[in-house]
Amino acid sequence: MRIFYFSLFLLLTFTLTAQEPADFLNGRKLGTSEVKLYPNPTFGGVVNILTQANADKEITVYDVFGEVVLKDQINGKTLDVSRLAPGVYVLQISEGQQTITRKLVVK
């Protein structure tokens, strides 16, 4: 009986510790997508944002204090960040039903 409870405990422990739900049929995690953000750090004032879907994106840029410093909607892959002062920012990229955050350094 001890072995049964111990096995049940281990099974529940391993199955409940996942951070994101997994799609076992396709072998990948749900809710994540491949996002490429370059150049990072940026010098020229333009950042390229590539995603798998390449659909319209709503971009919100936050500073280190959590205040919104730039909000833009792009239908291509280029975001103009020339208005931002040098520093570290957090980009929130919303595309369709997915929202992804990435760090951006402006020099």
PDB file of N, CA and C in Angstrom:
ATOM      1  N   MET A   1       0.809  -1.183   0.000  1.00  0.00           N
ATOM      2  CA  MET A   1       0.000   0.000   0.000  1.00  0.00           C
ATOM      3  C   MET A   1       0.862   1.262   0.000  1.00  0.00           C
ATOM      4  N   ARG A   2       1.989   1.224   0.714  1.00  0.00           N
ATOM      5  CA  ARG A   2       2.885   2.370   0.731  1.00  0.00           C
ATOM      6  C   ARG A   2       3.428   2.683  -0.655  1.00  0.00           C
ATOM      7  N   ILE A   3       3.764   1.650  -1.379  1.00  0.00           N
ATOM      8  CA  ILE A   3       4.312   1.828  -2.720  1.00  0.00           C
ATOM      9  C   ILE A   3       3.273   2.459  -3.636  1.00  0.00           C
ATOM     10  N   PHE A   4       2.006   2.053  -3.476  1.00  0.00           N
ATOM     11  CA  PHE A   4       0.935   2.626  -4.283  1.00  0.00           C
ATOM     12  C   PHE A   4       0.796   4.128  -4.006  1.00  0.00           C
ATOM     13  N   TYR A   5       0.747   4.511  -2.747  1.00  0.00           N
ATOM     14  CA  TYR A   5       0.612   5.932  -2.404  1.00  0.00           C
ATOM     15  C   TYR A   5       1.840   6.743  -2.820  1.00  0.00           C
ATOM     16  N   PHE A   6       3.004   6.149  -2.650  1.00  0.00           N
ATOM     17  CA  PHE A   6       4.225   6.832  -3.062  1.00  0.00           C
ATOM     18  C   PHE A   6       4.239   7.041  -4.576  1.00  0.00           C
ATOM     19  N   SER A   7       3.836   6.038  -5.336  1.00  0.00           N
ATOM     20  CA  SER A   7       3.769   6.157  -6.797  1.00  0.00           C
ATOM     21  C   SER A   7       2.748   7.202  -7.210  1.00  0.00           C
ATOM     22  N   LEU A   8       1.612   7.203  -6.552  1.00  0.00           N
ATOM     23  CA  LEU A   8       0.583   8.196  -6.837  1.00  0.00           C
ATOM     24  C   LEU A   8       1.077   9.605  -6.521  1.00  0.00           C
ATOM     25  N   PHE A   9       1.779   9.753  -5.414  1.00  0.00           N
ATOM     26  CA  PHE A   9       2.354  11.040  -5.039  1.00  0.00           C
ATOM     27  C   PHE A   9       3.355  11.525  -6.087  1.00  0.00           C
ATOM     28  N   LEU A  10       4.238  10.659  -6.550  1.00  0.00           N
ATOM     29  CA  LEU A  10       5.219  11.044  -7.563  1.00  0.00           C
ATOM     30  C   LEU A  10       4.542  11.407  -8.878  1.00  0.00           C
ATOM     31  N   LEU A  11       3.539  10.642  -9.265  1.00  0.00           N
ATOM     32  CA  LEU A  11       2.822  10.915 -10.501  1.00  0.00           C
ATOM     33  C   LEU A  11       2.151  12.293 -10.452  1.00  0.00           C
ATOM     34  N   LEU A  12       1.469  12.583  -9.376  1.00  0.00           N
ATOM     35  CA  LEU A  12       0.806  13.882  -9.234  1.00  0.00           C
ATOM     36  C   LEU A  12       1.809  15.023  -9.137  1.00  0.00           C
ATOM     37  N   THR A  13       2.911  14.792  -8.485  1.00  0.00           N
ATOM     38  CA  THR A  13       3.936  15.827  -8.361  1.00  0.00           C
ATOM     39  C   THR A  13       4.495  16.204  -9.720  1.00  0.00           C
ATOM     40  N   PHE A  14       4.804  15.221 -10.541  1.00  0.00           N
ATOM     41  CA  PHE A  14       5.386  15.512 -11.851  1.00  0.00           C
ATOM     42  C   PHE A  14       4.379  16.110 -12.820  1.00  0.00           C
ATOM     43  N   THR A  15       3.128  15.721 -12.728  1.00  0.00           N
ATOM     44  CA  THR A  15       2.138  16.248 -13.670  1.00  0.00           C
ATOM     45  C   THR A  15       1.651  17.631 -13.284  1.00  0.00           C
ATOM     46  N   LEU A  16       1.715  18.008 -12.038  1.00  0.00           N
ATOM     47  CA  LEU A  16       1.193  19.304 -11.603  1.00  0.00           C
ATOM     48  C   LEU A  16       2.246  20.398 -11.551  1.00  0.00           C
ATOM     49  N   THR A  17       3.496  20.090 -11.853  1.00  0.00           N
ATOM     50  CA  THR A  17       4.544  21.100 -11.773  1.00  0.00           C
ATOM     51  C   THR A  17       4.798  21.809 -13.092  1.00  0.00           C
ATOM     52  N   ALA A  18       4.050  21.526 -14.116  1.00  0.00           N
ATOM     53  CA  ALA A  18       4.261  22.166 -15.414  1.00  0.00           C
ATOM     54  C   ALA A  18       3.862  23.635 -15.334  1.00  0.00           C
ATOM     55  N   GLN A  19       4.621  24.503 -15.988  1.00  0.00           N
ATOM     56  CA  GLN A  19       4.349  25.929 -15.981  1.00  0.00           C
ATOM     57  C   GLN A  19       3.324  26.322 -17.029  1.00  0.00           C
ATOM     58  N   GLU A  20       3.350  25.673 -18.184  1.00  0.00           N
ATOM     59  CA  GLU A  20       2.432  25.971 -19.273  1.00  0.00           C
ATOM     60  C   GLU A  20       1.828  24.671 -19.777  1.00  0.00           C
ATOM     61  N   PRO A  21       0.584  24.724 -20.247  1.00  0.00           N
ATOM     62  CA  PRO A  21      -0.003  23.487 -20.774  1.00  0.00           C
ATOM     63  C   PRO A  21       0.712  23.039 -22.037  1.00  0.00           C
ATOM     64  N   ALA A  22       0.933  21.767 -22.157  1.00  0.00           N
ATOM     65  CA  ALA A  22       1.654  21.232 -23.310  1.00  0.00           C
ATOM     66  C   ALA A  22       0.671  20.593 -24.281  1.00  0.00           C
ATOM     67  N   ASP A  23       0.985  20.723 -25.531  1.00  0.00           N
ATOM     68  CA  ASP A  23       0.210  20.068 -26.586  1.00  0.00           C
ATOM     69  C   ASP A  23       0.925  18.754 -26.895  1.00  0.00           C
ATOM     70  N   PHE A  24       0.458  17.674 -26.324  1.00  0.00           N
ATOM     71  CA  PHE A  24       1.151  16.398 -26.447  1.00  0.00           C
ATOM     72  C   PHE A  24       1.070  15.819 -27.843  1.00  0.00           C
ATOM     73  N   LEU A  25       0.076  16.215 -28.624  1.00  0.00           N
ATOM     74  CA  LEU A  25      -0.047  15.688 -29.975  1.00  0.00           C
ATOM     75  C   LEU A  25       1.013  16.273 -30.903  1.00  0.00           C
ATOM     76  N   ASN A  26       1.320  17.551 -30.734  1.00  0.00           N
ATOM     77  CA  ASN A  26       2.297  18.200 -31.608  1.00  0.00           C
ATOM     78  C   ASN A  26       3.672  18.320 -30.967  1.00  0.00           C
ATOM     79  N   GLY A  27       3.782  18.047 -29.686  1.00  0.00           N
ATOM     80  CA  GLY A  27       5.073  18.094 -29.018  1.00  0.00           C
ATOM     81  C   GLY A  27       5.587  19.500 -28.767  1.00  0.00           C
ATOM     82  N   ARG A  28       4.708  20.486 -28.658  1.00  0.00           N
ATOM     83  CA  ARG A  28       5.159  21.839 -28.360  1.00  0.00           C
ATOM     84  C   ARG A  28       4.219  22.460 -27.346  1.00  0.00           C
ATOM     85  N   LYS A  29       4.653  23.547 -26.734  1.00  0.00           N
ATOM     86  CA  LYS A  29       3.849  24.207 -25.727  1.00  0.00           C
ATOM     87  C   LYS A  29       2.824  25.126 -26.371  1.00  0.00           C
ATOM     88  N   LEU A  30       1.676  25.219 -25.758  1.00  0.00           N
ATOM     89  CA  LEU A  30       0.644  26.128 -26.233  1.00  0.00           C
ATOM     90  C   LEU A  30       0.913  27.524 -25.705  1.00  0.00           C
ATOM     91  N   GLY A  31       0.539  28.543 -26.472  1.00  0.00           N
ATOM     92  CA  GLY A  31       0.651  29.919 -26.001  1.00  0.00           C
ATOM     93  C   GLY A  31       2.003  30.556 -26.235  1.00  0.00           C
ATOM     94  N   THR A  32       2.957  29.840 -26.760  1.00  0.00           N
ATOM     95  CA  THR A  32       4.249  30.438 -27.046  1.00  0.00           C
ATOM     96  C   THR A  32       4.463  30.415 -28.551  1.00  0.00           C
ATOM     97  N   SER A  33       5.167  31.416 -29.036  1.00  0.00           N
ATOM     98  CA  SER A  33       5.505  31.415 -30.455  1.00  0.00           C
ATOM     99  C   SER A  33       6.922  31.948 -30.599  1.00  0.00           C
ATOM    100  N   GLU A  34       7.462  31.708 -31.731  1.00  0.00           N
ATOM    101  CA  GLU A  34       8.815  32.163 -32.023  1.00  0.00           C
ATOM    102  C   GLU A  34       8.777  33.640 -32.392  1.00  0.00           C
ATOM    103  N   VAL A  35       9.495  34.455 -31.644  1.00  0.00           N
ATOM    104  CA  VAL A  35       9.583  35.892 -31.909  1.00  0.00           C
ATOM    105  C   VAL A  35      11.050  36.250 -32.037  1.00  0.00           C
ATOM    106  N   LYS A  36      11.379  36.943 -33.121  1.00  0.00           N
ATOM    107  CA  LYS A  36      12.742  37.421 -33.322  1.00  0.00           C
ATOM    108  C   LYS A  36      12.712  38.938 -33.270  1.00  0.00           C
ATOM    109  N   LEU A  37      13.546  39.492 -32.427  1.00  0.00           N
ATOM    110  CA  LEU A  37      13.623  40.930 -32.206  1.00  0.00           C
ATOM    111  C   LEU A  37      15.070  41.341 -32.452  1.00  0.00           C
ATOM    112  N   TYR A  38      15.294  42.103 -33.536  1.00  0.00           N
ATOM    113  CA  TYR A  38      16.666  42.492 -33.855  1.00  0.00           C
ATOM    114  C   TYR A  38      16.678  43.859 -34.494  1.00  0.00           C
ATOM    115  N   PRO A  39      17.712  44.630 -34.440  1.00  0.00           N
ATOM    116  CA  PRO A  39      18.901  44.436 -33.599  1.00  0.00           C
ATOM    117  C   PRO A  39      18.595  44.790 -32.152  1.00  0.00           C
ATOM    118  N   ASN A  40      19.172  44.054 -31.271  1.00  0.00           N
ATOM    119  CA  ASN A  40      18.987  44.304 -29.845  1.00  0.00           C
ATOM    120  C   ASN A  40      20.325  44.116 -29.151  1.00  0.00           C
ATOM    121  N   PRO A  41      20.990  45.151 -28.730  1.00  0.00           N
ATOM    122  CA  PRO A  41      20.557  46.542 -28.599  1.00  0.00           C
ATOM    123  C   PRO A  41      20.488  47.249 -29.951  1.00  0.00           C
ATOM    124  N   THR A  42      19.622  48.236 -30.022  1.00  0.00           N
ATOM    125  CA  THR A  42      19.429  48.971 -31.261  1.00  0.00           C
ATOM    126  C   THR A  42      20.132  50.327 -31.191  1.00  0.00           C
ATOM    127  N   PHE A  43      20.679  50.739 -32.317  1.00  0.00           N
ATOM    128  CA  PHE A  43      21.378  52.015 -32.406  1.00  0.00           C
ATOM    129  C   PHE A  43      20.692  52.970 -33.373  1.00  0.00           C
ATOM    130  N   GLY A  44      20.048  52.450 -34.424  1.00  0.00           N
ATOM    131  CA  GLY A  44      19.525  53.286 -35.494  1.00  0.00           C
ATOM    132  C   GLY A  44      18.100  53.755 -35.327  1.00  0.00           C
ATOM    133  N   GLY A  45      17.410  53.327 -34.289  1.00  0.00           N
ATOM    134  CA  GLY A  45      16.053  53.771 -34.088  1.00  0.00           C
ATOM    135  C   GLY A  45      15.001  52.896 -34.725  1.00  0.00           C
ATOM    136  N   VAL A  46      15.396  51.778 -35.324  1.00  0.00           N
ATOM    137  CA  VAL A  46      14.441  50.868 -35.950  1.00  0.00           C
ATOM    138  C   VAL A  46      14.692  49.465 -35.410  1.00  0.00           C
ATOM    139  N   VAL A  47      13.599  48.785 -35.034  1.00  0.00           N
ATOM    140  CA  VAL A  47      13.673  47.415 -34.539  1.00  0.00           C
ATOM    141  C   VAL A  47      12.793  46.546 -35.432  1.00  0.00           C
ATOM    142  N   ASN A  48      13.306  45.410 -35.848  1.00  0.00           N
ATOM    143  CA  ASN A  48      12.553  44.457 -36.642  1.00  0.00           C
ATOM    144  C   ASN A  48      11.976  43.392 -35.713  1.00  0.00           C
ATOM    145  N   ILE A  49      10.671  43.130 -35.868  1.00  0.00           N
ATOM    146  CA  ILE A  49       9.978  42.137 -35.054  1.00  0.00           C
ATOM    147  C   ILE A  49       9.393  41.100 -36.001  1.00  0.00           C
ATOM    148  N   LEU A  50       9.924  39.895 -35.940  1.00  0.00           N
ATOM    149  CA  LEU A  50       9.453  38.809 -36.791  1.00  0.00           C
ATOM    150  C   LEU A  50       8.741  37.764 -35.942  1.00  0.00           C
ATOM    151  N   THR A  51       7.572  37.333 -36.403  1.00  0.00           N
ATOM    152  CA  THR A  51       6.834  36.261 -35.751  1.00  0.00           C
ATOM    153  C   THR A  51       6.486  35.209 -36.792  1.00  0.00           C
ATOM    154  N   GLN A  52       5.982  34.089 -36.333  1.00  0.00           N
ATOM    155  CA  GLN A  52       5.618  33.022 -37.258  1.00  0.00           C
ATOM    156  C   GLN A  52       4.433  33.416 -38.121  1.00  0.00           C
ATOM    157  N   ALA A  53       3.442  34.090 -37.554  1.00  0.00           N
ATOM    158  CA  ALA A  53       2.226  34.432 -38.300  1.00  0.00           C
ATOM    159  C   ALA A  53       2.411  35.677 -39.166  1.00  0.00           C
ATOM    160  N   ASN A  54       3.300  36.582 -38.776  1.00  0.00           N
ATOM    161  CA  ASN A  54       3.517  37.859 -39.474  1.00  0.00           C
ATOM    162  C   ASN A  54       2.214  38.612 -39.721  1.00  0.00           C
ATOM    163  N   ALA A  55       1.327  38.618 -38.736  1.00  0.00           N
ATOM    164  CA  ALA A  55       0.059  39.345 -38.812  1.00  0.00           C
ATOM    165  C   ALA A  55       0.248  40.742 -38.222  1.00  0.00           C
ATOM    166  N   ASP A  56      -0.840  41.526 -38.186  1.00  0.00           N
ATOM    167  CA  ASP A  56      -0.786  42.847 -37.563  1.00  0.00           C
ATOM    168  C   ASP A  56      -0.462  42.690 -36.080  1.00  0.00           C
ATOM    169  N   LYS A  57       0.396  43.580 -35.591  1.00  0.00           N
ATOM    170  CA  LYS A  57       0.844  43.510 -34.206  1.00  0.00           C
ATOM    171  C   LYS A  57       0.546  44.818 -33.500  1.00  0.00           C
ATOM    172  N   GLU A  58       0.137  44.726 -32.255  1.00  0.00           N
ATOM    173  CA  GLU A  58      -0.004  45.896 -31.410  1.00  0.00           C
ATOM    174  C   GLU A  58       1.146  45.873 -30.420  1.00  0.00           C
ATOM    175  N   ILE A  59       1.969  46.920 -30.461  1.00  0.00           N
ATOM    176  CA  ILE A  59       3.184  46.977 -29.648  1.00  0.00           C
ATOM    177  C   ILE A  59       2.994  48.030 -28.553  1.00  0.00           C
ATOM    178  N   THR A  60       3.276  47.640 -27.322  1.00  0.00           N
ATOM    179  CA  THR A  60       3.291  48.568 -26.201  1.00  0.00           C
ATOM    180  C   THR A  60       4.673  48.504 -25.578  1.00  0.00           C
ATOM    181  N   VAL A  61       5.296  49.661 -25.405  1.00  0.00           N
ATOM    182  CA  VAL A  61       6.649  49.726 -24.852  1.00  0.00           C
ATOM    183  C   VAL A  61       6.569  50.355 -23.464  1.00  0.00           C
ATOM    184  N   TYR A  62       7.139  49.669 -22.476  1.00  0.00           N
ATOM    185  CA  TYR A  62       7.165  50.136 -21.094  1.00  0.00           C
ATOM    186  C   TYR A  62       8.600  50.482 -20.703  1.00  0.00           C
ATOM    187  N   ASP A  63       8.751  51.509 -19.859  1.00  0.00           N
ATOM    188  CA  ASP A  63      10.073  51.821 -19.322  1.00  0.00           C
ATOM    189  C   ASP A  63      10.291  51.007 -18.050  1.00  0.00           C
ATOM    190  N   VAL A  64      11.404  51.262 -17.356  1.00  0.00           N
ATOM    191  CA  VAL A  64      11.736  50.465 -16.176  1.00  0.00           C
ATOM    192  C   VAL A  64      10.798  50.733 -15.003  1.00  0.00           C
ATOM    193  N   PHE A  65      10.044  51.835 -15.055  1.00  0.00           N
ATOM    194  CA  PHE A  65       9.097  52.155 -13.993  1.00  0.00           C
ATOM    195  C   PHE A  65       7.707  51.591 -14.275  1.00  0.00           C
ATOM    196  N   GLY A  66       7.530  50.948 -15.417  1.00  0.00           N
ATOM    197  CA  GLY A  66       6.259  50.347 -15.774  1.00  0.00           C
ATOM    198  C   GLY A  66       5.293  51.294 -16.461  1.00  0.00           C
ATOM    199  N   GLU A  67       5.763  52.455 -16.857  1.00  0.00           N
ATOM    200  CA  GLU A  67       4.918  53.424 -17.549  1.00  0.00           C
ATOM    201  C   GLU A  67       4.977  53.190 -19.053  1.00  0.00           C
ATOM    202  N   VAL A  68       3.854  53.383 -19.718  1.00  0.00           N
ATOM    203  CA  VAL A  68       3.796  53.214 -21.171  1.00  0.00           C
ATOM    204  C   VAL A  68       4.467  54.432 -21.811  1.00  0.00           C
ATOM    205  N   VAL A  69       5.507  54.188 -22.615  1.00  0.00           N
ATOM    206  CA  VAL A  69       6.209  55.273 -23.288  1.00  0.00           C
ATOM    207  C   VAL A  69       5.950  55.298 -24.788  1.00  0.00           C
ATOM    208  N   LEU A  70       5.444  54.187 -25.334  1.00  0.00           N
ATOM    209  CA  LEU A  70       5.149  54.120 -26.761  1.00  0.00           C
ATOM    210  C   LEU A  70       4.101  53.049 -26.993  1.00  0.00           C
ATOM    211  N   LYS A  71       3.101  53.381 -27.787  1.00  0.00           N
ATOM    212  CA  LYS A  71       2.074  52.407 -28.162  1.00  0.00           C
ATOM    213  C   LYS A  71       1.864  52.566 -29.655  1.00  0.00           C
ATOM    214  N   ASP A  72       2.008  51.465 -30.388  1.00  0.00           N
ATOM    215  CA  ASP A  72       1.947  51.531 -31.845  1.00  0.00           C
ATOM    216  C   ASP A  72       1.349  50.236 -32.380  1.00  0.00           C
ATOM    217  N   GLN A  73       0.748  50.341 -33.546  1.00  0.00           N
ATOM    218  CA  GLN A  73       0.229  49.166 -34.237  1.00  0.00           C
ATOM    219  C   GLN A  73       0.942  49.085 -35.575  1.00  0.00           C
ATOM    220  N   ILE A  74       1.575  47.947 -35.830  1.00  0.00           N
ATOM    221  CA  ILE A  74       2.326  47.783 -37.069  1.00  0.00           C
ATOM    222  C   ILE A  74       1.752  46.609 -37.849  1.00  0.00           C
ATOM    223  N   ASN A  75       1.784  46.737 -39.168  1.00  0.00           N
ATOM    224  CA  ASN A  75       1.334  45.631 -39.999  1.00  0.00           C
ATOM    225  C   ASN A  75       2.491  44.986 -40.741  1.00  0.00           C
ATOM    226  N   GLY A  76       3.659  45.550 -40.611  1.00  0.00           N
ATOM    227  CA  GLY A  76       4.851  44.964 -41.200  1.00  0.00           C
ATOM    228  C   GLY A  76       5.702  44.344 -40.118  1.00  0.00           C
ATOM    229  N   LYS A  77       7.001  44.552 -40.237  1.00  0.00           N
ATOM    230  CA  LYS A  77       7.908  44.002 -39.231  1.00  0.00           C
ATOM    231  C   LYS A  77       8.761  45.071 -38.571  1.00  0.00           C
ATOM    232  N   THR A  78       8.625  46.343 -38.968  1.00  0.00           N
ATOM    233  CA  THR A  78       9.510  47.398 -38.497  1.00  0.00           C
ATOM    234  C   THR A  78       8.814  48.300 -37.490  1.00  0.00           C
ATOM    235  N   LEU A  79       9.474  48.530 -36.358  1.00  0.00           N
ATOM    236  CA  LEU A  79       8.985  49.431 -35.322  1.00  0.00           C
ATOM    237  C   LEU A  79       9.976  50.570 -35.166  1.00  0.00           C
ATOM    238  N   ASP A  80       9.483  51.814 -35.230  1.00  0.00           N
ATOM    239  CA  ASP A  80      10.323  52.996 -35.085  1.00  0.00           C
ATOM    240  C   ASP A  80      10.437  53.346 -33.602  1.00  0.00           C
ATOM    241  N   VAL A  81      11.655  53.228 -33.052  1.00  0.00           N
ATOM    242  CA  VAL A  81      11.897  53.552 -31.650  1.00  0.00           C
ATOM    243  C   VAL A  81      12.837  54.738 -31.513  1.00  0.00           C
ATOM    244  N   SER A  82      12.911  55.581 -32.555  1.00  0.00           N
ATOM    245  CA  SER A  82      13.819  56.727 -32.520  1.00  0.00           C
ATOM    246  C   SER A  82      13.399  57.771 -31.485  1.00  0.00           C
ATOM    247  N   ARG A  83      12.138  57.749 -31.058  1.00  0.00           N
ATOM    248  CA  ARG A  83      11.655  58.708 -30.056  1.00  0.00           C
ATOM    249  C   ARG A  83      12.031  58.309 -28.639  1.00  0.00           C
ATOM    250  N   LEU A  84      12.536  57.095 -28.453  1.00  0.00           N
ATOM    251  CA  LEU A  84      12.870  56.610 -27.117  1.00  0.00           C
ATOM    252  C   LEU A  84      14.272  57.045 -26.708  1.00  0.00           C
ATOM    253  N   ALA A  85      14.400  57.422 -25.450  1.00  0.00           N
ATOM    254  CA  ALA A  85      15.711  57.769 -24.892  1.00  0.00           C
ATOM    255  C   ALA A  85      16.500  56.474 -24.669  1.00  0.00           C
ATOM    256  N   PRO A  86      17.827  56.552 -24.655  1.00  0.00           N
ATOM    257  CA  PRO A  86      18.615  55.344 -24.387  1.00  0.00           C
ATOM    258  C   PRO A  86      18.245  54.737 -23.037  1.00  0.00           C
ATOM    259  N   GLY A  87      18.101  53.421 -23.024  1.00  0.00           N
ATOM    260  CA  GLY A  87      17.740  52.727 -21.796  1.00  0.00           C
ATOM    261  C   GLY A  87      17.227  51.333 -22.084  1.00  0.00           C
ATOM    262  N   VAL A  88      16.672  50.719 -21.039  1.00  0.00           N
ATOM    263  CA  VAL A  88      16.132  49.367 -21.126  1.00  0.00           C
ATOM    264  C   VAL A  88      14.614  49.460 -21.096  1.00  0.00           C
ATOM    265  N   TYR A  89      13.960  48.759 -22.010  1.00  0.00           N
ATOM    266  CA  TYR A  89      12.516  48.797 -22.140  1.00  0.00           C
ATOM    267  C   TYR A  89      11.966  47.378 -22.239  1.00  0.00           C
ATOM    268  N   VAL A  90      10.678  47.253 -21.974  1.00  0.00           N
ATOM    269  CA  VAL A  90       9.974  45.985 -22.126  1.00  0.00           C
ATOM    270  C   VAL A  90       8.941  46.163 -23.221  1.00  0.00           C
ATOM    271  N   LEU A  91       9.000  45.293 -24.232  1.00  0.00           N
ATOM    272  CA  LEU A  91       8.040  45.319 -25.332  1.00  0.00           C
ATOM    273  C   LEU A  91       6.962  44.281 -25.070  1.00  0.00           C
ATOM    274  N   GLN A  92       5.712  44.689 -25.189  1.00  0.00           N
ATOM    275  CA  GLN A  92       4.596  43.762 -25.127  1.00  0.00           C
ATOM    276  C   GLN A  92       4.031  43.671 -26.536  1.00  0.00           C
ATOM    277  N   ILE A  93       4.155  42.511 -27.143  1.00  0.00           N
ATOM    278  CA  ILE A  93       3.757  42.296 -28.531  1.00  0.00           C
ATOM    279  C   ILE A  93       2.478  41.467 -28.521  1.00  0.00           C
ATOM    280  N   SER A  94       1.390  42.045 -29.027  1.00  0.00           N
ATOM    281  CA  SER A  94       0.109  41.333 -29.108  1.00  0.00           C
ATOM    282  C   SER A  94      -0.193  41.053 -30.568  1.00  0.00           C
ATOM    283  N   GLU A  95      -0.372  39.788 -30.868  1.00  0.00           N
ATOM    284  CA  GLU A  95      -0.668  39.363 -32.237  1.00  0.00           C
ATOM    285  C   GLU A  95      -1.759  38.310 -32.174  1.00  0.00           C
ATOM    286  N   GLY A  96      -2.941  38.670 -32.636  1.00  0.00           N
ATOM    287  CA  GLY A  96      -4.064  37.747 -32.545  1.00  0.00           C
ATOM    288  C   GLY A  96      -4.451  37.561 -31.093  1.00  0.00           C
ATOM    289  N   GLN A  97      -4.457  36.322 -30.633  1.00  0.00           N
ATOM    290  CA  GLN A  97      -4.802  36.004 -29.246  1.00  0.00           C
ATOM    291  C   GLN A  97      -3.570  35.875 -28.351  1.00  0.00           C
ATOM    292  N   GLN A  98      -2.377  35.978 -28.911  1.00  0.00           N
ATOM    293  CA  GLN A  98      -1.150  35.782 -28.148  1.00  0.00           C
ATOM    294  C   GLN A  98      -0.530  37.110 -27.761  1.00  0.00           C
ATOM    295  N   THR A  99       0.014  37.153 -26.565  1.00  0.00           N
ATOM    296  CA  THR A  99       0.756  38.306 -26.076  1.00  0.00           C
ATOM    297  C   THR A  99       2.096  37.816 -25.569  1.00  0.00           C
ATOM    298  N   ILE A 100       3.157  38.471 -26.039  1.00  0.00           N
ATOM    299  CA  ILE A 100       4.517  38.053 -25.708  1.00  0.00           C
ATOM    300  C   ILE A 100       5.271  39.282 -25.231  1.00  0.00           C
ATOM    301  N   THR A 101       6.112  39.145 -24.230  1.00  0.00           N
ATOM    302  CA  THR A 101       6.941  40.255 -23.757  1.00  0.00           C
ATOM    303  C   THR A 101       8.406  39.939 -24.013  1.00  0.00           C
ATOM    304  N   ARG A 102       9.135  40.960 -24.420  1.00  0.00           N
ATOM    305  CA  ARG A 102      10.562  40.846 -24.657  1.00  0.00           C
ATOM    306  C   ARG A 102      11.255  42.113 -24.145  1.00  0.00           C
ATOM    307  N   LYS A 103      12.532  41.970 -23.822  1.00  0.00           N
ATOM    308  CA  LYS A 103      13.324  43.097 -23.358  1.00  0.00           C
ATOM    309  C   LYS A 103      14.026  43.733 -24.561  1.00  0.00           C
ATOM    310  N   LEU A 104      14.085  45.075 -24.556  1.00  0.00           N
ATOM    311  CA  LEU A 104      14.743  45.819 -25.619  1.00  0.00           C
ATOM    312  C   LEU A 104      15.693  46.831 -24.995  1.00  0.00           C
ATOM    313  N   VAL A 105      16.892  46.910 -25.543  1.00  0.00           N
ATOM    314  CA  VAL A 105      17.890  47.886 -25.098  1.00  0.00           C
ATOM    315  C   VAL A 105      18.091  48.890 -26.221  1.00  0.00           C
ATOM    316  N   VAL A 106      17.903  50.174 -25.903  1.00  0.00           N
ATOM    317  CA  VAL A 106      18.110  51.255 -26.848  1.00  0.00           C
ATOM    318  C   VAL A 106      19.360  52.009 -26.434  1.00  0.00           C
ATOM    319  N   LYS A 107      20.319  52.135 -27.373  1.00  0.00           N
ATOM    320  CA  LYS A 107      21.565  52.850 -27.069  1.00  0.00           C
ATOM    321  C   LYS A 107      21.647  54.122 -27.852  1.00  0.00           C
TER     322      LYS A 107
END
